[in-house]
C-alpha cells in the first residue's frame, strides 16, 4: 500500500514522502500512530493539496534551521583523556559525551542525530556531522587532548640532562666494562700483596736457621780450639 509520511520515519523516509509499505505495517503502526496517511484514489486530490502545504512548511522550517546550522558549524569541542602507546586513549569519546558537551553550550541535540560512526579512541582532531533537518547537516570540530598533568610529566622527562639519561640507561656491555674496571685495581692490590709475601718467604729461606747458626758456632769453637792447641805445642 502507498502512504504519505506525516513525520520523519527512520529507515523509511522524510515528512511528505510517498512510500510503499506492507499493509499490516501501514494499517497497524504508521496510520494509528499518525505517522502516515494512506494514499487512495478518493483522497489523492486532498493528499496533493496536503503535500503542497507541507512543502511550504518544510521550506520555512529549513530556513529556521539555517541559523542553527551556522552556529553549530562554529562549535569546537575539546575532550581530555589519558593516553597510552600510539596515542590510544583510556576510554573513549562517544555520542553521549558530545551530546552532553553541546547541552552545556545551550544546544539540545538528540543523540541519534550525532552521526558518529564509532566512539573516538585516539588523540587527534575529528569532524563529526550533526543531522539538523531532514538531509541538512551541520559539522562540529572535536579535539581529543592529553590532560595538563600528563603533558607536564612528559616535559619533565624531556628536561632530564643527556648525561643523566646516559647514566640511567647504560648498555649492558658498557656496564660489564665499568664493573671490570672497578675490579681491576683490587686484582692489582692482591697481586702486589702476593708478590711481597713471596719476597718475604724468599728472604726467610735465604736466612740461616737456628740449627745452622748453632752448627756454625760449634765449628768456629773447634777451629779456635785447634788453633790454640797448635800454638801451645809450638
Foldseek 3Di string as FASTA:
>chain_A
DWKAFCAADPPFGHHGDIGDDDPCCCVVPCVVVVGIGDDDPVCPVVSVVVSVVVVVVLVVVVVVCVVVLVVQLPAEAEAAFAADPPQFGDDFCALVNVQVVVVVVPDHADSVQFPDPDTHGGFDKDKIWGDGGRPDIHIYIYGYHHDPVVVVVVVVVVPDDPVVVCVVVPDPVVVVVVVVVVCVVVVVVVVVVVVVVVVVVVVVVVDDDPVVVVVVVVVVVVVVVVVVVVVVVD
